[in-house]
Amino acid sequence: MSNTIIFKDKDVNYYSMVPTKYKPFVSIVSILCFLLIIDVDSLAFATTGDTIPLSFSKGYGDGDIMLFIATDTSDNQTAVSMTASLGHKVNYVPELSSIPKPYIQQGYDFLNGVKGEGSFGFQLPVASAFPGDKGYSPLVQLNLVKWVDTVNARVLKSSQDIEQAQRNGEIQIINTKIIINSPAISQK
């Protein structure tokens, strides 16, 4: 017997009554109806509370723009601030502070310099790695970057750019103990 769907009712094989040239269409329609039933059935259990809106944040990584979603932070004040700016709840999770350093990547947010879409009104933040790169983690230690002379400020797009600017004495990096669960949701 072929891989076809047989419609039976009281031992009547309706499929055998379909002209041969239409049998492929009947099979396709049968499959589509089956998928529709599955989809409708799954919707029967869905409620309006099954989804929540989440905002994406933009940032640089290795010179490219990445998208991030923030869900948790180890600092309560940061959680309140991020909740207000992102429009979705960012959880305060103090236990994130106890994650060992090897499981955390570095993130840099700018306190001054080039105006932009960053958290403080300046350039976009910078992450030290993309998903799949060595050192990538969805857990990010927040480092604040401050230009020594804002006249010479420029957009820095990678952790290498930041390290070089620090070696040149152009910026100061203020390390915080704030850890943010902010996985990248797009890759290069």
N, C-alpha and C. Protein backbone atom coordinates (compact mmCIF):
# COMPACT_ATOMS: atom_id res chain seq x y z
N MET A 1 0.85 -1.17 0.00
CA MET A 1 0.00 0.00 0.00
C MET A 1 0.89 1.24 0.00
N SER A 2 0.49 2.30 -0.67
CA SER A 2 1.27 3.51 -0.75
C SER A 2 1.11 4.35 0.51
N ASN A 3 1.93 5.40 0.62
CA ASN A 3 1.86 6.30 1.77
C ASN A 3 0.74 7.32 1.57
N THR A 4 -0.49 6.88 1.66
CA THR A 4 -1.63 7.76 1.48
C THR A 4 -2.53 7.66 2.70
N ILE A 5 -3.40 8.66 2.81
CA ILE A 5 -4.37 8.66 3.90
C ILE A 5 -5.65 8.06 3.37
N ILE A 6 -6.20 7.11 4.08
CA ILE A 6 -7.44 6.44 3.69
C ILE A 6 -8.57 6.98 4.56
N PHE A 7 -9.61 7.49 3.93
CA PHE A 7 -10.79 7.96 4.64
C PHE A 7 -11.79 6.82 4.65
N LYS A 8 -12.21 6.40 5.82
CA LYS A 8 -13.16 5.29 5.91
C LYS A 8 -14.35 5.69 6.76
N ASP A 9 -15.49 5.21 6.37
CA ASP A 9 -16.69 5.41 7.16
C ASP A 9 -17.54 4.17 6.96
N LYS A 10 -17.74 3.41 8.02
CA LYS A 10 -18.54 2.19 7.94
C LYS A 10 -18.06 1.29 6.80
N ASP A 11 -16.75 1.07 6.79
CA ASP A 11 -16.11 0.19 5.81
C ASP A 11 -16.23 0.67 4.37
N VAL A 12 -16.49 1.96 4.16
CA VAL A 12 -16.50 2.52 2.81
C VAL A 12 -15.20 3.27 2.64
N ASN A 13 -14.46 2.95 1.61
CA ASN A 13 -13.18 3.59 1.33
C ASN A 13 -13.42 4.73 0.35
N TYR A 14 -13.61 5.95 0.90
CA TYR A 14 -13.89 7.10 0.05
C TYR A 14 -12.69 7.48 -0.82
N TYR A 15 -11.52 7.21 -0.33
CA TYR A 15 -10.33 7.55 -1.10
C TYR A 15 -10.30 6.80 -2.41
N SER A 16 -10.75 5.57 -2.39
CA SER A 16 -10.75 4.78 -3.63
C SER A 16 -11.75 5.33 -4.65
N MET A 17 -12.69 6.14 -4.21
CA MET A 17 -13.67 6.73 -5.12
C MET A 17 -13.14 8.00 -5.80
N VAL A 18 -12.05 8.53 -5.29
CA VAL A 18 -11.47 9.75 -5.87
C VAL A 18 -10.75 9.39 -7.15
N PRO A 19 -11.01 10.13 -8.24
CA PRO A 19 -10.29 9.85 -9.49
C PRO A 19 -8.77 9.96 -9.26
N THR A 20 -8.01 9.14 -9.90
CA THR A 20 -6.57 9.03 -9.70
C THR A 20 -5.86 10.37 -9.84
N LYS A 21 -6.26 11.18 -10.80
CA LYS A 21 -5.56 12.44 -11.01
C LYS A 21 -5.75 13.41 -9.84
N TYR A 22 -6.76 13.23 -9.00
CA TYR A 22 -7.00 14.12 -7.86
C TYR A 22 -6.48 13.56 -6.54
N LYS A 23 -6.03 12.33 -6.52
CA LYS A 23 -5.59 11.71 -5.27
C LYS A 23 -4.44 12.46 -4.60
N PRO A 24 -3.44 12.98 -5.35
CA PRO A 24 -2.38 13.74 -4.67
C PRO A 24 -2.93 14.98 -3.95
N PHE A 25 -3.93 15.62 -4.57
CA PHE A 25 -4.52 16.81 -3.94
C PHE A 25 -5.29 16.46 -2.68
N VAL A 26 -5.98 15.33 -2.72
CA VAL A 26 -6.74 14.88 -1.55
C VAL A 26 -5.78 14.59 -0.40
N SER A 27 -4.66 13.98 -0.73
CA SER A 27 -3.66 13.70 0.32
C SER A 27 -3.11 14.99 0.92
N ILE A 28 -2.81 15.96 0.07
CA ILE A 28 -2.27 17.24 0.55
C ILE A 28 -3.31 17.96 1.41
N VAL A 29 -4.55 17.99 0.93
CA VAL A 29 -5.63 18.63 1.70
C VAL A 29 -5.82 17.92 3.03
N SER A 30 -5.73 16.63 3.04
CA SER A 30 -5.87 15.87 4.28
C SER A 30 -4.79 16.24 5.28
N ILE A 31 -3.57 16.35 4.80
CA ILE A 31 -2.45 16.72 5.67
C ILE A 31 -2.64 18.13 6.20
N LEU A 32 -3.04 19.06 5.32
CA LEU A 32 -3.27 20.44 5.75
C LEU A 32 -4.38 20.52 6.79
N CYS A 33 -5.44 19.75 6.60
CA CYS A 33 -6.54 19.73 7.58
C CYS A 33 -6.04 19.18 8.91
N PHE A 34 -5.22 18.15 8.86
CA PHE A 34 -4.65 17.58 10.07
C PHE A 34 -3.80 18.62 10.80
N LEU A 35 -2.97 19.35 10.06
CA LEU A 35 -2.13 20.38 10.68
C LEU A 35 -2.99 21.50 11.25
N LEU A 36 -4.06 21.86 10.55
CA LEU A 36 -4.96 22.89 11.04
C LEU A 36 -5.61 22.45 12.35
N ILE A 37 -6.02 21.20 12.41
CA ILE A 37 -6.62 20.68 13.65
C ILE A 37 -5.62 20.74 14.79
N ILE A 38 -4.36 20.37 14.53
CA ILE A 38 -3.34 20.44 15.57
C ILE A 38 -3.15 21.88 16.02
N ASP A 39 -3.07 22.81 15.07
CA ASP A 39 -2.85 24.21 15.41
C ASP A 39 -4.02 24.77 16.21
N VAL A 40 -5.25 24.50 15.76
CA VAL A 40 -6.43 24.97 16.47
C VAL A 40 -6.47 24.36 17.86
N ASP A 41 -6.14 23.08 17.95
CA ASP A 41 -6.13 22.41 19.24
C ASP A 41 -5.14 23.05 20.19
N SER A 42 -3.94 23.42 19.69
CA SER A 42 -2.95 24.05 20.57
C SER A 42 -3.40 25.44 20.98
N LEU A 43 -4.14 26.14 20.10
CA LEU A 43 -4.64 27.46 20.45
C LEU A 43 -5.73 27.39 21.52
N ALA A 44 -6.40 26.25 21.62
CA ALA A 44 -7.46 26.11 22.61
C ALA A 44 -6.90 26.26 24.03
N PHE A 45 -5.62 25.97 24.21
CA PHE A 45 -5.01 26.05 25.53
C PHE A 45 -4.30 27.38 25.77
N ALA A 46 -4.15 28.20 24.73
CA ALA A 46 -3.45 29.48 24.87
C ALA A 46 -4.34 30.50 25.56
N THR A 47 -3.72 31.33 26.35
CA THR A 47 -4.44 32.43 26.99
C THR A 47 -3.66 33.71 26.72
N THR A 48 -4.26 34.82 26.99
CA THR A 48 -3.57 36.09 26.77
C THR A 48 -2.36 36.23 27.67
N GLY A 49 -2.29 35.50 28.76
CA GLY A 49 -1.16 35.57 29.67
C GLY A 49 0.04 34.75 29.23
N ASP A 50 -0.05 34.07 28.08
CA ASP A 50 1.04 33.21 27.62
C ASP A 50 2.18 33.98 26.96
N THR A 51 1.98 35.25 26.67
CA THR A 51 3.04 36.05 26.05
C THR A 51 3.21 37.35 26.82
N ILE A 52 4.42 37.85 26.76
CA ILE A 52 4.70 39.16 27.36
C ILE A 52 5.58 39.93 26.40
N PRO A 53 5.41 41.24 26.34
CA PRO A 53 6.27 42.03 25.46
C PRO A 53 7.65 42.22 26.09
N LEU A 54 8.69 42.06 25.30
CA LEU A 54 10.05 42.28 25.77
C LEU A 54 10.74 43.25 24.81
N SER A 55 11.52 44.14 25.35
CA SER A 55 12.24 45.11 24.53
C SER A 55 13.67 44.63 24.30
N PHE A 56 14.17 44.92 23.13
CA PHE A 56 15.54 44.60 22.79
C PHE A 56 16.42 45.81 23.03
N SER A 57 17.66 45.56 23.39
CA SER A 57 18.66 46.62 23.48
C SER A 57 19.69 46.38 22.41
N LYS A 58 20.25 47.45 21.88
CA LYS A 58 21.31 47.32 20.89
C LYS A 58 22.65 47.55 21.55
N GLY A 59 23.65 46.90 21.01
CA GLY A 59 25.01 47.11 21.48
C GLY A 59 26.00 46.60 20.44
N TYR A 60 27.26 46.97 20.62
CA TYR A 60 28.30 46.52 19.70
C TYR A 60 29.00 45.28 20.26
N GLY A 61 29.50 44.49 19.34
CA GLY A 61 30.37 43.36 19.64
C GLY A 61 31.22 43.10 18.42
N ASP A 62 32.52 43.17 18.57
CA ASP A 62 33.44 42.97 17.45
C ASP A 62 33.11 43.87 16.25
N GLY A 63 32.63 45.08 16.53
CA GLY A 63 32.36 46.04 15.47
C GLY A 63 30.97 45.96 14.86
N ASP A 64 30.23 44.91 15.15
CA ASP A 64 28.89 44.74 14.60
C ASP A 64 27.84 45.04 15.67
N ILE A 65 26.67 45.45 15.23
CA ILE A 65 25.57 45.67 16.17
C ILE A 65 24.90 44.34 16.47
N MET A 66 24.67 44.13 17.76
CA MET A 66 23.99 42.93 18.24
C MET A 66 22.73 43.38 18.96
N LEU A 67 21.77 42.47 19.10
CA LEU A 67 20.57 42.73 19.89
C LEU A 67 20.64 41.90 21.16
N PHE A 68 20.19 42.49 22.26
CA PHE A 68 20.22 41.83 23.56
C PHE A 68 18.86 41.94 24.22
N ILE A 69 18.60 41.03 25.13
CA ILE A 69 17.41 41.12 25.96
C ILE A 69 17.86 40.97 27.41
N ALA A 70 17.47 41.90 28.24
CA ALA A 70 17.86 41.87 29.65
C ALA A 70 16.70 41.30 30.47
N THR A 71 17.01 40.31 31.31
CA THR A 71 15.97 39.69 32.13
C THR A 71 16.22 39.82 33.63
N ASP A 72 17.50 39.86 34.03
CA ASP A 72 17.83 39.85 35.45
C ASP A 72 19.09 40.67 35.70
N THR A 73 19.22 41.19 36.93
CA THR A 73 20.44 41.87 37.32
C THR A 73 20.68 41.65 38.81
N SER A 74 21.94 41.72 39.20
CA SER A 74 22.32 41.49 40.60
C SER A 74 22.13 42.72 41.47
N ASP A 75 21.76 43.85 40.88
CA ASP A 75 21.64 45.11 41.62
C ASP A 75 20.20 45.61 41.54
N ASN A 76 19.58 45.86 42.70
CA ASN A 76 18.18 46.27 42.74
C ASN A 76 17.94 47.61 42.04
N GLN A 77 18.80 48.59 42.27
CA GLN A 77 18.64 49.90 41.63
C GLN A 77 18.74 49.78 40.11
N THR A 78 19.64 48.94 39.64
CA THR A 78 19.78 48.71 38.20
C THR A 78 18.53 48.03 37.65
N ALA A 79 17.97 47.07 38.40
CA ALA A 79 16.73 46.40 37.97
C ALA A 79 15.60 47.41 37.82
N VAL A 80 15.46 48.32 38.77
CA VAL A 80 14.40 49.34 38.71
C VAL A 80 14.61 50.25 37.51
N SER A 81 15.84 50.70 37.31
CA SER A 81 16.17 51.60 36.21
C SER A 81 15.94 50.92 34.85
N MET A 82 16.39 49.67 34.72
CA MET A 82 16.23 48.95 33.46
C MET A 82 14.75 48.66 33.18
N THR A 83 14.00 48.33 34.21
CA THR A 83 12.56 48.10 34.05
C THR A 83 11.89 49.35 33.49
N ALA A 84 12.24 50.50 34.04
CA ALA A 84 11.65 51.76 33.58
C ALA A 84 12.05 52.08 32.14
N SER A 85 13.31 51.88 31.80
CA SER A 85 13.76 52.26 30.46
C SER A 85 13.38 51.25 29.38
N LEU A 86 13.32 49.97 29.73
CA LEU A 86 13.02 48.95 28.72
C LEU A 86 11.53 48.70 28.54
N GLY A 87 10.75 48.98 29.60
CA GLY A 87 9.32 48.75 29.48
C GLY A 87 8.88 47.34 29.81
N HIS A 88 9.79 46.50 30.25
CA HIS A 88 9.42 45.18 30.75
C HIS A 88 10.16 44.93 32.07
N LYS A 89 9.65 44.03 32.86
CA LYS A 89 10.20 43.75 34.18
C LYS A 89 11.58 43.11 34.06
N VAL A 90 12.56 43.74 34.71
CA VAL A 90 13.89 43.15 34.84
C VAL A 90 14.02 42.76 36.31
N ASN A 91 14.27 41.49 36.56
CA ASN A 91 14.27 40.95 37.91
C ASN A 91 15.55 41.28 38.68
N TYR A 92 15.39 41.52 39.96
CA TYR A 92 16.52 41.68 40.88
C TYR A 92 16.87 40.29 41.40
N VAL A 93 18.08 39.84 41.08
CA VAL A 93 18.54 38.50 41.47
C VAL A 93 19.94 38.64 42.08
N PRO A 94 20.03 38.89 43.39
CA PRO A 94 21.33 39.12 44.01
C PRO A 94 22.29 37.93 43.87
N GLU A 95 21.76 36.74 43.68
CA GLU A 95 22.59 35.54 43.54
C GLU A 95 23.50 35.59 42.31
N LEU A 96 23.16 36.43 41.33
CA LEU A 96 24.02 36.56 40.15
C LEU A 96 25.43 37.02 40.53
N SER A 97 25.55 37.74 41.64
CA SER A 97 26.86 38.23 42.09
C SER A 97 27.80 37.10 42.48
N SER A 98 27.26 35.92 42.76
CA SER A 98 28.11 34.81 43.20
C SER A 98 28.57 33.91 42.05
N ILE A 99 28.23 34.26 40.82
CA ILE A 99 28.67 33.48 39.65
C ILE A 99 30.18 33.67 39.49
N PRO A 100 30.93 32.58 39.35
CA PRO A 100 32.39 32.71 39.15
C PRO A 100 32.74 33.49 37.87
N LYS A 101 33.81 34.27 37.94
CA LYS A 101 34.24 35.13 36.82
C LYS A 101 34.39 34.41 35.48
N PRO A 102 34.88 33.16 35.44
CA PRO A 102 35.02 32.50 34.13
C PRO A 102 33.70 32.35 33.36
N TYR A 103 32.57 32.49 34.04
CA TYR A 103 31.27 32.32 33.39
C TYR A 103 30.62 33.67 33.03
N ILE A 104 31.39 34.73 33.15
CA ILE A 104 30.87 36.07 32.92
C ILE A 104 31.71 36.77 31.86
N GLN A 105 31.05 37.45 30.92
CA GLN A 105 31.79 38.27 29.96
C GLN A 105 31.72 39.73 30.41
N GLN A 106 32.50 40.56 29.78
CA GLN A 106 32.55 41.97 30.13
C GLN A 106 31.65 42.78 29.20
N GLY A 107 30.97 43.77 29.77
CA GLY A 107 30.15 44.69 29.01
C GLY A 107 30.51 46.11 29.41
N TYR A 108 30.45 47.02 28.47
CA TYR A 108 30.88 48.40 28.71
C TYR A 108 29.76 49.36 28.31
N ASP A 109 29.39 50.25 29.23
CA ASP A 109 28.37 51.26 28.96
C ASP A 109 28.99 52.63 29.21
N PHE A 110 28.67 53.60 28.36
CA PHE A 110 29.36 54.89 28.34
C PHE A 110 28.62 55.97 29.12
N LEU A 111 29.36 56.66 29.99
CA LEU A 111 28.81 57.74 30.82
C LEU A 111 28.90 59.10 30.15
N ASN A 112 29.75 59.23 29.14
CA ASN A 112 29.90 60.49 28.40
C ASN A 112 30.46 60.17 27.03
N GLY A 113 30.77 61.19 26.26
CA GLY A 113 31.34 60.97 24.93
C GLY A 113 30.37 61.30 23.83
N VAL A 114 30.29 60.41 22.85
CA VAL A 114 29.45 60.62 21.67
C VAL A 114 27.99 60.32 22.04
N LYS A 115 27.11 61.29 21.77
CA LYS A 115 25.68 61.11 22.04
C LYS A 115 25.15 59.93 21.23
N GLY A 116 24.22 59.17 21.83
CA GLY A 116 23.68 58.03 21.13
C GLY A 116 22.57 57.34 21.89
N GLU A 117 22.32 56.09 21.55
CA GLU A 117 21.20 55.31 22.08
C GLU A 117 21.56 54.47 23.31
N GLY A 118 22.71 54.68 23.91
CA GLY A 118 23.11 53.91 25.07
C GLY A 118 22.28 54.24 26.31
N SER A 119 22.46 53.49 27.35
CA SER A 119 21.68 53.62 28.59
C SER A 119 21.74 55.02 29.19
N PHE A 120 22.87 55.69 29.05
CA PHE A 120 23.06 57.01 29.67
C PHE A 120 22.98 58.14 28.63
N GLY A 121 22.50 57.82 27.43
CA GLY A 121 22.35 58.84 26.39
C GLY A 121 23.57 59.01 25.51
N PHE A 122 24.52 58.09 25.66
CA PHE A 122 25.73 58.16 24.83
C PHE A 122 25.80 56.91 23.96
N GLN A 123 26.92 56.65 23.37
CA GLN A 123 27.03 55.57 22.38
C GLN A 123 26.50 54.25 22.91
N LEU A 124 26.21 53.34 21.99
CA LEU A 124 25.72 52.00 22.37
C LEU A 124 26.75 51.28 23.22
N PRO A 125 26.29 50.43 24.15
CA PRO A 125 27.21 49.62 24.95
C PRO A 125 28.00 48.65 24.05
N VAL A 126 29.05 48.09 24.63
CA VAL A 126 29.91 47.15 23.91
C VAL A 126 30.00 45.86 24.73
N ALA A 127 29.80 44.72 24.06
CA ALA A 127 29.98 43.40 24.69
C ALA A 127 31.30 42.82 24.21
N SER A 128 31.90 42.00 25.05
CA SER A 128 33.22 41.46 24.72
C SER A 128 33.18 40.23 23.81
N ALA A 129 31.99 39.62 23.59
CA ALA A 129 31.94 38.42 22.74
C ALA A 129 30.55 38.21 22.17
N PHE A 130 30.50 37.51 21.03
CA PHE A 130 29.26 37.08 20.38
C PHE A 130 28.95 35.66 20.81
N PRO A 131 27.68 35.22 20.67
CA PRO A 131 27.40 33.80 20.88
C PRO A 131 28.27 32.96 19.95
N GLY A 132 28.84 31.93 20.48
CA GLY A 132 29.72 31.06 19.70
C GLY A 132 31.19 31.43 19.81
N ASP A 133 31.48 32.67 20.21
CA ASP A 133 32.87 33.10 20.40
C ASP A 133 33.38 32.60 21.74
N LYS A 134 34.68 32.41 21.82
CA LYS A 134 35.30 32.07 23.09
C LYS A 134 35.04 33.22 24.06
N GLY A 135 34.61 32.91 25.25
CA GLY A 135 34.36 33.93 26.26
C GLY A 135 32.95 34.48 26.26
N TYR A 136 32.09 34.02 25.30
CA TYR A 136 30.72 34.51 25.32
C TYR A 136 29.97 33.93 26.51
N SER A 137 29.19 34.77 27.14
CA SER A 137 28.28 34.36 28.20
C SER A 137 27.09 35.30 28.15
N PRO A 138 25.90 34.80 28.46
CA PRO A 138 24.76 35.71 28.56
C PRO A 138 24.85 36.58 29.82
N LEU A 139 25.74 36.21 30.73
CA LEU A 139 25.95 36.97 31.96
C LEU A 139 27.05 37.99 31.73
N VAL A 140 26.71 39.27 31.98
CA VAL A 140 27.62 40.37 31.65
C VAL A 140 27.93 41.18 32.91
N GLN A 141 29.24 41.38 33.16
CA GLN A 141 29.64 42.29 34.22
C GLN A 141 29.64 43.69 33.64
N LEU A 142 28.91 44.61 34.28
CA LEU A 142 28.81 45.98 33.80
C LEU A 142 30.04 46.78 34.18
N ASN A 143 30.67 47.38 33.18
CA ASN A 143 31.79 48.31 33.37
C ASN A 143 31.36 49.64 32.77
N LEU A 144 31.60 50.71 33.51
CA LEU A 144 31.23 52.04 33.03
C LEU A 144 32.45 52.71 32.42
N VAL A 145 32.27 53.32 31.27
CA VAL A 145 33.37 53.95 30.54
C VAL A 145 33.16 55.46 30.55
N LYS A 146 34.25 56.17 30.90
CA LYS A 146 34.20 57.63 30.95
C LYS A 146 35.37 58.19 30.16
N TRP A 147 35.05 59.06 29.17
CA TRP A 147 36.09 59.70 28.38
C TRP A 147 36.78 60.76 29.25
N VAL A 148 38.12 60.79 29.22
CA VAL A 148 38.90 61.79 29.94
C VAL A 148 38.68 63.16 29.30
N ASP A 149 38.71 63.21 27.97
CA ASP A 149 38.49 64.45 27.22
C ASP A 149 37.40 64.17 26.19
N THR A 150 36.21 64.68 26.41
CA THR A 150 35.09 64.38 25.51
C THR A 150 35.25 65.00 24.13
N VAL A 151 36.13 65.96 23.97
CA VAL A 151 36.38 66.57 22.66
C VAL A 151 36.92 65.52 21.69
N ASN A 152 37.74 64.60 22.20
CA ASN A 152 38.34 63.55 21.35
C ASN A 152 37.55 62.25 21.36
N ALA A 153 36.35 62.27 21.96
CA ALA A 153 35.54 61.05 22.03
C ALA A 153 35.14 60.58 20.64
N ARG A 154 35.08 59.30 20.48
CA ARG A 154 34.64 58.67 19.23
C ARG A 154 33.91 57.39 19.59
N VAL A 155 33.20 56.80 18.66
CA VAL A 155 32.46 55.57 18.92
C VAL A 155 33.45 54.41 18.96
N LEU A 156 33.40 53.65 20.05
CA LEU A 156 34.21 52.44 20.20
C LEU A 156 33.27 51.25 19.99
N LYS A 157 33.68 50.30 19.13
CA LYS A 157 32.76 49.24 18.72
C LYS A 157 33.19 47.84 19.13
N SER A 158 34.27 47.73 19.88
CA SER A 158 34.72 46.40 20.31
C SER A 158 35.47 46.52 21.62
N SER A 159 35.63 45.41 22.30
CA SER A 159 36.40 45.42 23.56
C SER A 159 37.86 45.74 23.27
N GLN A 160 38.35 45.38 22.07
CA GLN A 160 39.73 45.72 21.69
C GLN A 160 39.88 47.24 21.55
N ASP A 161 38.87 47.91 20.95
CA ASP A 161 38.89 49.37 20.85
C ASP A 161 38.94 50.00 22.25
N ILE A 162 38.16 49.45 23.16
CA ILE A 162 38.10 49.98 24.53
C ILE A 162 39.44 49.78 25.24
N GLU A 163 40.01 48.59 25.10
CA GLU A 163 41.31 48.31 25.74
C GLU A 163 42.39 49.25 25.20
N GLN A 164 42.38 49.49 23.89
CA GLN A 164 43.38 50.38 23.29
C GLN A 164 43.19 51.81 23.79
N ALA A 165 41.95 52.28 23.84
CA ALA A 165 41.67 53.63 24.32
C ALA A 165 42.08 53.78 25.79
N GLN A 166 41.92 52.71 26.57
CA GLN A 166 42.35 52.75 27.97
C GLN A 166 43.88 52.82 28.06
N ARG A 167 44.58 52.00 27.25
CA ARG A 167 46.05 52.04 27.23
C ARG A 167 46.56 53.42 26.82
N ASN A 168 45.83 54.09 25.91
CA ASN A 168 46.21 55.42 25.44
C ASN A 168 45.87 56.52 26.45
N GLY A 169 45.20 56.16 27.54
CA GLY A 169 44.81 57.15 28.54
C GLY A 169 43.63 58.01 28.14
N GLU A 170 42.87 57.57 27.11
CA GLU A 170 41.73 58.35 26.63
C GLU A 170 40.47 58.14 27.47
N ILE A 171 40.34 56.96 28.08
CA ILE A 171 39.15 56.63 28.85
C ILE A 171 39.53 56.06 30.20
N GLN A 172 38.59 56.13 31.10
CA GLN A 172 38.69 55.46 32.39
C GLN A 172 37.60 54.39 32.42
N ILE A 173 37.92 53.24 32.95
CA ILE A 173 36.92 52.18 33.10
C ILE A 173 36.64 52.00 34.58
N ILE A 174 35.38 52.12 34.92
CA ILE A 174 34.94 51.95 36.30
C ILE A 174 34.29 50.57 36.38
N ASN A 175 34.97 49.64 37.05
CA ASN A 175 34.44 48.28 37.20
C ASN A 175 33.35 48.29 38.27
N THR A 176 32.24 47.65 37.99
CA THR A 176 31.18 47.49 38.98
C THR A 176 31.08 46.01 39.32
N LYS A 177 30.32 45.71 40.32
CA LYS A 177 30.04 44.31 40.68
C LYS A 177 28.67 43.90 40.14
N ILE A 178 28.10 44.73 39.28
CA ILE A 178 26.76 44.46 38.74
C ILE A 178 26.84 43.43 37.62
N ILE A 179 26.07 42.37 37.77
CA ILE A 179 25.98 41.32 36.75
C ILE A 179 24.56 41.39 36.15
N ILE A 180 24.50 41.36 34.83
CA ILE A 180 23.22 41.43 34.13
C ILE A 180 23.07 40.18 33.25
N ASN A 181 21.94 39.51 33.38
CA ASN A 181 21.64 38.40 32.48
C ASN A 181 21.05 39.02 31.22
N SER A 182 21.87 39.10 30.17
CA SER A 182 21.50 39.81 28.95
C SER A 182 21.99 39.05 27.73
N PRO A 183 21.33 37.93 27.41
CA PRO A 183 21.79 37.16 26.25
C PRO A 183 21.62 37.90 24.94
N ALA A 184 22.58 37.67 24.05
CA ALA A 184 22.47 38.20 22.69
C ALA A 184 21.43 37.38 21.95
N ILE A 185 20.57 38.06 21.20
CA ILE A 185 19.55 37.33 20.48
C ILE A 185 19.74 37.38 18.98
N SER A 186 20.80 38.01 18.53
CA SER A 186 21.16 37.93 17.13
C SER A 186 22.66 37.72 17.03
N GLN A 187 23.05 37.03 15.99
CA GLN A 187 24.46 36.71 15.83
C GLN A 187 24.97 37.32 14.55
N LYS A 188 26.31 37.39 14.44
CA LYS A 188 26.88 37.93 13.21
C LYS A 188 26.64 36.99 12.06
